[in-house]
N, C-alpha and C. Protein backbone atom coordinates (compact mmCIF):
# COMPACT_ATOMS: atom_id res chain seq x y z
N MET A 1 45.80 -12.61 2.46
CA MET A 1 46.92 -12.86 3.16
C MET A 1 46.85 -13.06 4.27
N ARG A 2 47.44 -14.21 4.62
CA ARG A 2 47.45 -14.94 6.02
C ARG A 2 48.43 -14.65 7.06
N SER A 3 48.52 -14.76 8.29
CA SER A 3 49.54 -14.91 9.35
C SER A 3 49.72 -16.11 9.78
N TYR A 4 51.42 -16.00 9.48
CA TYR A 4 52.07 -17.62 9.79
C TYR A 4 53.22 -17.44 10.81
N GLU A 5 53.43 -18.41 11.65
CA GLU A 5 54.91 -18.49 12.33
C GLU A 5 55.59 -19.78 11.76
N THR A 6 56.90 -19.20 11.48
CA THR A 6 57.95 -20.40 11.50
C THR A 6 58.66 -20.81 12.49
N ALA A 7 59.07 -22.10 12.96
CA ALA A 7 59.95 -22.22 13.95
C ALA A 7 61.15 -23.13 13.18
N ILE A 8 62.48 -22.88 13.88
CA ILE A 8 63.20 -23.24 13.03
C ILE A 8 64.01 -23.76 14.28
N ILE A 9 64.73 -24.96 14.21
CA ILE A 9 65.83 -25.26 14.81
C ILE A 9 67.20 -25.62 14.43
N TRP A 10 67.98 -24.95 14.46
CA TRP A 10 69.31 -25.10 13.93
C TRP A 10 70.55 -25.60 14.66
N SER A 11 71.43 -26.47 13.90
CA SER A 11 72.39 -27.10 14.74
C SER A 11 73.59 -26.01 15.77
N ALA A 12 73.53 -26.52 16.59
CA ALA A 12 74.41 -25.87 17.67
C ALA A 12 75.77 -25.80 17.15
N SER A 13 76.17 -26.69 16.22
CA SER A 13 77.54 -26.43 16.09
C SER A 13 77.83 -25.35 14.48
N ILE A 14 76.85 -24.29 14.07
CA ILE A 14 76.56 -23.75 13.05
C ILE A 14 77.21 -22.26 13.43
N PRO A 15 78.60 -21.90 13.31
CA PRO A 15 78.92 -20.46 13.88
C PRO A 15 77.64 -19.32 13.60
N GLU A 16 78.19 -18.24 14.37
CA GLU A 16 77.12 -17.55 14.62
C GLU A 16 76.82 -16.47 13.25
N GLY A 17 77.78 -16.30 12.58
CA GLY A 17 77.94 -15.75 11.49
C GLY A 17 77.02 -16.41 10.45
N ASP A 18 77.56 -17.68 10.09
CA ASP A 18 76.81 -18.49 9.07
C ASP A 18 75.18 -18.81 9.69
N LEU A 19 74.86 -18.70 10.97
CA LEU A 19 73.50 -18.63 11.41
C LEU A 19 72.69 -17.37 10.74
N GLU A 20 73.54 -16.16 11.01
CA GLU A 20 72.43 -15.22 10.70
C GLU A 20 72.71 -14.87 9.25
N THR A 21 73.37 -15.45 8.39
CA THR A 21 73.50 -15.77 6.81
C THR A 21 71.97 -16.66 6.50
N GLU A 22 71.87 -17.63 7.04
CA GLU A 22 71.17 -18.61 6.99
C GLU A 22 69.35 -17.68 7.46
N LEU A 23 69.44 -17.30 8.45
CA LEU A 23 68.23 -16.93 8.61
C LEU A 23 67.57 -15.53 8.06
N ASN A 24 68.78 -14.77 7.47
CA ASN A 24 68.44 -13.67 6.55
C ASN A 24 68.11 -14.43 5.06
N SER A 25 68.62 -15.44 4.91
CA SER A 25 68.04 -16.51 3.27
C SER A 25 66.44 -16.51 3.51
N VAL A 26 66.36 -16.95 4.65
CA VAL A 26 64.81 -17.53 4.73
C VAL A 26 64.05 -15.87 4.71
N LEU A 27 64.70 -15.20 5.60
CA LEU A 27 63.62 -13.67 5.71
C LEU A 27 63.69 -12.97 3.92
N ASP A 28 64.58 -13.49 3.31
CA ASP A 28 64.61 -12.96 1.54
C ASP A 28 63.90 -13.63 1.21
N ILE A 29 63.61 -15.10 1.40
CA ILE A 29 62.61 -15.81 0.78
C ILE A 29 61.07 -15.17 0.74
N ILE A 30 60.82 -14.97 2.29
CA ILE A 30 59.48 -14.20 2.65
C ILE A 30 59.47 -13.02 1.97
N SER A 31 60.32 -11.99 2.13
CA SER A 31 60.21 -10.56 1.66
C SER A 31 60.06 -10.72 -0.16
N GLY A 32 60.87 -11.85 -0.60
CA GLY A 32 61.07 -11.57 -2.14
C GLY A 32 59.37 -12.04 -2.88
N ALA A 33 58.82 -12.90 -2.06
CA ALA A 33 57.72 -13.63 -2.59
C ALA A 33 56.37 -12.47 -2.11
N ASP A 34 56.75 -11.21 -1.44
CA ASP A 34 55.64 -9.94 -1.14
C ASP A 34 55.49 -10.46 0.35
N GLY A 35 55.83 -11.12 1.13
CA GLY A 35 55.43 -11.43 2.19
C GLY A 35 56.25 -10.47 2.97
N THR A 36 55.21 -9.72 4.34
CA THR A 36 55.30 -8.82 5.55
C THR A 36 56.34 -9.82 6.41
N LEU A 37 57.28 -9.41 7.18
CA LEU A 37 57.91 -9.53 8.12
C LEU A 37 57.30 -8.90 9.57
N ALA A 38 56.61 -9.88 10.60
CA ALA A 38 55.97 -8.98 11.60
C ALA A 38 57.23 -9.16 12.78
N GLY A 39 58.02 -10.12 12.60
CA GLY A 39 58.93 -10.05 13.71
C GLY A 39 59.73 -11.31 13.63
N THR A 40 60.90 -11.47 14.72
CA THR A 40 61.93 -12.54 14.69
C THR A 40 62.19 -12.39 16.08
N GLU A 41 62.17 -14.03 16.43
CA GLU A 41 62.57 -14.09 18.28
C GLU A 41 63.64 -15.30 18.25
N LYS A 42 64.54 -14.69 19.00
CA LYS A 42 65.68 -15.65 18.79
C LYS A 42 65.98 -16.62 20.19
N TRP A 43 65.51 -17.89 20.39
CA TRP A 43 65.57 -18.55 21.87
C TRP A 43 66.88 -18.83 22.36
N GLY A 44 68.09 -18.54 21.25
CA GLY A 44 69.35 -19.35 21.62
C GLY A 44 69.10 -20.82 21.75
N ARG A 45 70.64 -21.13 22.52
CA ARG A 45 70.54 -22.54 22.35
C ARG A 45 69.73 -23.31 23.69
N ARG A 46 69.64 -24.16 23.03
CA ARG A 46 68.42 -24.87 24.16
C ARG A 46 68.80 -26.63 24.13
N MET A 47 68.62 -27.42 25.20
CA MET A 47 68.89 -28.55 24.89
C MET A 47 67.54 -29.35 24.36
N LEU A 48 67.55 -30.33 23.23
CA LEU A 48 66.61 -30.82 22.45
C LEU A 48 66.09 -32.12 23.67
N ALA A 49 64.95 -32.19 23.49
CA ALA A 49 64.40 -33.56 24.11
C ALA A 49 64.76 -34.41 23.87
N TYR A 50 65.29 -34.91 22.43
CA TYR A 50 65.85 -35.97 22.21
C TYR A 50 66.77 -35.64 21.00
N PRO A 51 67.78 -36.85 20.49
CA PRO A 51 68.85 -36.40 19.63
C PRO A 51 68.41 -36.44 18.21
N ILE A 52 68.42 -35.35 17.63
CA ILE A 52 68.39 -34.97 16.27
C ILE A 52 69.59 -35.01 15.66
N SER A 53 69.62 -35.84 14.49
CA SER A 53 71.09 -36.08 13.65
C SER A 53 72.01 -35.95 14.71
N LYS A 54 72.15 -36.89 15.82
CA LYS A 54 73.08 -36.96 16.60
C LYS A 54 73.44 -35.63 17.55
N GLN A 55 72.32 -34.78 17.25
CA GLN A 55 72.72 -33.30 17.92
C GLN A 55 71.85 -33.52 19.14
N THR A 56 72.53 -32.72 20.28
CA THR A 56 71.86 -32.87 21.88
C THR A 56 71.22 -31.33 22.05
N GLU A 57 71.97 -30.35 21.62
CA GLU A 57 71.54 -29.10 21.52
C GLU A 57 70.83 -28.40 20.31
N GLY A 58 70.27 -27.31 20.35
CA GLY A 58 69.46 -26.93 19.07
C GLY A 58 69.82 -25.31 19.22
N ILE A 59 69.57 -24.35 18.20
CA ILE A 59 69.34 -23.05 18.39
C ILE A 59 67.99 -22.62 17.52
N TYR A 60 67.26 -21.98 18.69
CA TYR A 60 66.03 -22.14 17.94
C TYR A 60 65.58 -20.52 17.56
N HIS A 61 64.91 -20.48 16.22
CA HIS A 61 64.65 -19.09 16.00
C HIS A 61 63.28 -19.09 15.75
N PHE A 62 62.04 -18.15 15.89
CA PHE A 62 60.69 -18.07 15.40
C PHE A 62 60.81 -17.01 14.78
N ILE A 63 60.04 -17.19 13.52
CA ILE A 63 59.76 -15.93 12.45
C ILE A 63 58.13 -15.72 12.04
N LYS A 64 57.64 -14.39 12.40
CA LYS A 64 56.51 -14.01 12.39
C LYS A 64 56.10 -13.50 11.09
N TRP A 65 55.46 -13.88 10.19
CA TRP A 65 55.29 -13.29 8.96
C TRP A 65 53.96 -13.48 8.32
N THR A 66 53.51 -12.63 7.62
CA THR A 66 52.50 -12.51 6.72
C THR A 66 52.42 -12.47 5.27
N GLY A 67 51.99 -13.46 4.72
CA GLY A 67 52.32 -13.67 3.13
C GLY A 67 51.19 -14.63 2.52
N ASP A 68 51.39 -14.76 1.35
CA ASP A 68 50.64 -15.78 0.60
C ASP A 68 51.06 -17.52 1.24
N PRO A 69 50.18 -18.22 0.89
CA PRO A 69 50.58 -19.82 1.37
C PRO A 69 51.32 -20.30 0.38
N GLY A 70 51.76 -19.81 -0.96
CA GLY A 70 52.76 -20.58 -1.42
C GLY A 70 54.17 -20.04 -1.44
N ILE A 71 54.15 -19.33 -0.15
CA ILE A 71 55.66 -18.95 0.40
C ILE A 71 56.03 -20.08 1.13
N ILE A 72 55.08 -20.95 1.70
CA ILE A 72 55.78 -22.12 2.55
C ILE A 72 56.37 -22.93 1.89
N PRO A 73 55.95 -23.54 0.61
CA PRO A 73 57.05 -24.71 -0.08
C PRO A 73 57.95 -24.07 -0.26
N ALA A 74 58.55 -22.66 -0.53
CA ALA A 74 59.71 -22.16 -0.96
C ALA A 74 60.61 -22.18 0.49
N ILE A 75 59.89 -21.97 1.16
CA ILE A 75 60.73 -21.65 2.88
C ILE A 75 61.34 -23.63 3.02
N ASN A 76 60.09 -24.50 2.68
CA ASN A 76 60.24 -25.57 3.05
C ASN A 76 61.27 -26.51 2.05
N LYS A 77 61.48 -26.04 1.18
CA LYS A 77 62.44 -26.66 0.05
C LYS A 77 64.06 -25.97 0.46
N TYR A 78 63.63 -24.73 0.80
CA TYR A 78 65.29 -24.03 1.28
C TYR A 78 65.94 -24.87 2.55
N LEU A 79 64.73 -24.77 3.61
CA LEU A 79 65.39 -25.25 4.81
C LEU A 79 65.67 -27.01 4.65
N ARG A 80 65.04 -27.59 3.66
CA ARG A 80 65.12 -28.96 3.71
C ARG A 80 66.47 -29.30 3.18
N ILE A 81 67.04 -28.77 2.16
CA ILE A 81 68.35 -28.97 1.75
C ILE A 81 69.62 -28.20 2.57
N ARG A 82 69.40 -27.63 3.61
CA ARG A 82 70.52 -27.06 4.46
C ARG A 82 71.02 -27.87 5.58
N GLU A 83 71.95 -28.25 5.97
CA GLU A 83 72.66 -29.39 6.57
C GLU A 83 72.11 -28.98 8.01
N GLY A 84 72.53 -27.31 8.36
CA GLY A 84 72.51 -26.86 9.29
C GLY A 84 70.69 -26.87 10.36
N CYS A 85 69.95 -27.10 9.22
CA CYS A 85 68.70 -27.08 9.93
C CYS A 85 68.18 -28.67 10.24
N LEU A 86 68.12 -28.69 11.53
CA LEU A 86 67.39 -29.97 12.11
C LEU A 86 66.14 -30.09 12.01
N ARG A 87 65.22 -28.89 12.50
CA ARG A 87 63.68 -29.06 12.22
C ARG A 87 63.37 -27.96 11.62
N HIS A 88 62.24 -27.83 11.31
CA HIS A 88 61.32 -26.57 11.16
C HIS A 88 59.95 -26.76 10.59
N LEU A 89 59.43 -25.87 11.21
CA LEU A 89 57.77 -25.99 10.94
C LEU A 89 57.05 -24.62 10.89
N THR A 90 56.28 -24.44 10.04
CA THR A 90 55.21 -23.38 9.57
C THR A 90 54.15 -23.70 10.08
N LEU A 91 53.23 -22.88 10.58
CA LEU A 91 52.08 -23.25 10.91
C LEU A 91 51.43 -21.69 10.91
N ARG A 92 49.99 -21.70 10.74
CA ARG A 92 48.98 -20.64 10.41
C ARG A 92 48.37 -20.06 11.76
N SER A 93 49.16 -18.89 11.86
CA SER A 93 48.58 -18.23 13.26
C SER A 93 46.87 -18.16 12.92
N ASP A 94 46.52 -18.39 14.19
CA ASP A 94 45.24 -17.73 14.62
C ASP A 94 44.54 -16.28 15.15
N GLY A 95 45.72 -15.74 15.16
CA GLY A 95 45.31 -14.37 15.54
C GLY A 95 45.48 -14.22 16.84
N HIS A 96 45.59 -15.44 17.80
CA HIS A 96 45.42 -15.35 19.13
C HIS A 96 47.10 -15.26 19.56
N PRO A 97 47.53 -14.12 20.32
CA PRO A 97 48.84 -14.26 20.72
C PRO A 97 48.92 -15.34 22.00
N ALA A 98 50.34 -16.49 21.47
CA ALA A 98 50.17 -17.31 22.70
C ALA A 98 50.70 -16.88 23.84
N ASP A 99 50.57 -17.05 24.83
CA ASP A 99 51.11 -16.82 26.35
C ASP A 99 50.50 -17.71 27.41
N ALA A 100 51.28 -17.61 28.51
CA ALA A 100 51.22 -18.56 29.53
C ALA A 100 49.73 -19.10 29.85
N SER A 101 48.69 -17.83 29.68
CA SER A 101 47.20 -18.05 29.90
C SER A 101 46.85 -18.89 28.97
N ASP A 102 47.53 -19.55 27.85
CA ASP A 102 47.00 -20.56 26.96
C ASP A 102 46.98 -21.98 27.42
N LEU A 103 48.07 -21.88 28.14
CA LEU A 103 48.61 -23.13 28.82
C LEU A 103 48.02 -23.86 29.99
N SER A 104 47.02 -23.03 30.57
CA SER A 104 46.50 -23.28 32.13
C SER A 104 44.95 -24.09 31.81
N GLY A 105 44.74 -24.35 30.36
CA GLY A 105 43.70 -25.46 30.57
C GLY A 105 42.13 -24.72 30.25
N GLN A 106 42.12 -23.51 30.87
CA GLN A 106 40.95 -22.57 31.02
C GLN A 106 40.68 -22.11 29.60
N PRO A 107 39.40 -22.20 29.49
CA PRO A 107 38.88 -21.92 27.83
C PRO A 107 38.99 -20.23 28.02
N ARG A 108 39.29 -19.64 26.84
CA ARG A 108 39.78 -18.20 26.65
C ARG A 108 38.42 -17.61 26.82
N SER A 109 38.19 -16.61 26.85
CA SER A 109 36.89 -15.80 27.20
C SER A 109 35.91 -15.76 26.03
N GLU A 110 36.53 -15.72 24.88
CA GLU A 110 35.60 -15.80 23.71
C GLU A 110 35.27 -17.42 23.21
N GLU A 111 35.94 -18.40 24.18
CA GLU A 111 35.53 -19.53 23.65
C GLU A 111 34.04 -20.17 24.54
N ILE A 112 33.19 -20.57 24.08
CA ILE A 112 31.96 -20.88 24.94
C ILE A 112 32.46 -22.29 25.72
N ALA A 113 31.78 -22.22 26.94
CA ALA A 113 32.15 -23.36 27.97
C ALA A 113 30.62 -23.96 27.68
N TRP A 114 30.42 -25.52 27.80
CA TRP A 114 29.48 -26.23 27.97
C TRP A 114 28.92 -25.77 29.39
N THR A 115 27.84 -25.65 29.31
CA THR A 115 26.64 -25.77 30.49
C THR A 115 25.92 -26.89 30.49
N GLU A 116 25.27 -27.07 32.02
CA GLU A 116 24.49 -28.36 32.08
C GLU A 116 23.43 -28.23 30.99
N ASP A 117 22.86 -26.88 31.05
CA ASP A 117 21.73 -26.96 29.97
C ASP A 117 22.11 -27.67 28.30
N ASP A 118 23.17 -27.08 27.92
CA ASP A 118 23.82 -27.92 26.79
C ASP A 118 23.69 -29.08 26.61
N ASP A 119 24.45 -29.61 27.84
CA ASP A 119 24.42 -31.15 27.71
C ASP A 119 23.43 -32.01 27.54
N SER A 120 22.15 -31.62 28.45
CA SER A 120 20.77 -32.08 28.68
C SER A 120 20.39 -31.79 27.47
N ASP A 121 20.66 -31.34 26.30
CA ASP A 121 19.89 -31.04 24.84
C ASP A 121 20.65 -32.38 24.06
N SER A 122 21.81 -32.78 24.51
CA SER A 122 22.18 -33.75 23.45
C SER A 122 21.81 -35.20 24.26
N ASN A 123 21.03 -35.12 24.94
CA ASN A 123 20.60 -36.63 25.29
C ASN A 123 18.98 -36.73 25.15
N GLU A 124 18.53 -35.86 24.61
CA GLU A 124 17.38 -36.08 23.92
C GLU A 124 16.87 -37.59 23.27
N GLY A 125 15.98 -37.84 23.85
CA GLY A 125 15.74 -39.33 22.63
C GLY A 125 16.47 -40.37 23.52
N GLU A 126 17.03 -40.32 24.10
CA GLU A 126 17.78 -41.39 25.25
C GLU A 126 17.15 -41.73 26.10
N SER A 127 16.80 -42.92 26.67
CA SER A 127 16.26 -43.38 27.56
C SER A 127 17.07 -44.07 28.83
N GLU A 128 16.73 -43.48 29.96
CA GLU A 128 17.46 -43.83 30.92
C GLU A 128 17.04 -45.42 31.59
N GLU A 129 17.91 -46.24 31.91
CA GLU A 129 17.50 -47.39 32.28
C GLU A 129 18.20 -47.62 33.46
């Protein structure tokens, strides 16, 4: 079983009750296929970077779950036919929690940074003229 994160942007015109029903349907797909829900996070109403289906705002939800890769097509099929879903994306989680330090451009402590010695090995056999 692998860890996944599904991001969903819902139309801002969906009533709150219908939004919860739609979200619970996605969670039922995951749990119905022996997936394990790790958590959900609602970011709420946000401005979109560009209009999607003539919408300028969307409601963001993130779902973290663990399960079989076969669950992804079922989620995609469900969300593709829902008019209230503007965009969705499921990514395999690499096990590292995303935080602000990931955006700094600095390598993580477990990543190997290039050193000058490593760089000089790649130039073997090249002549300098």
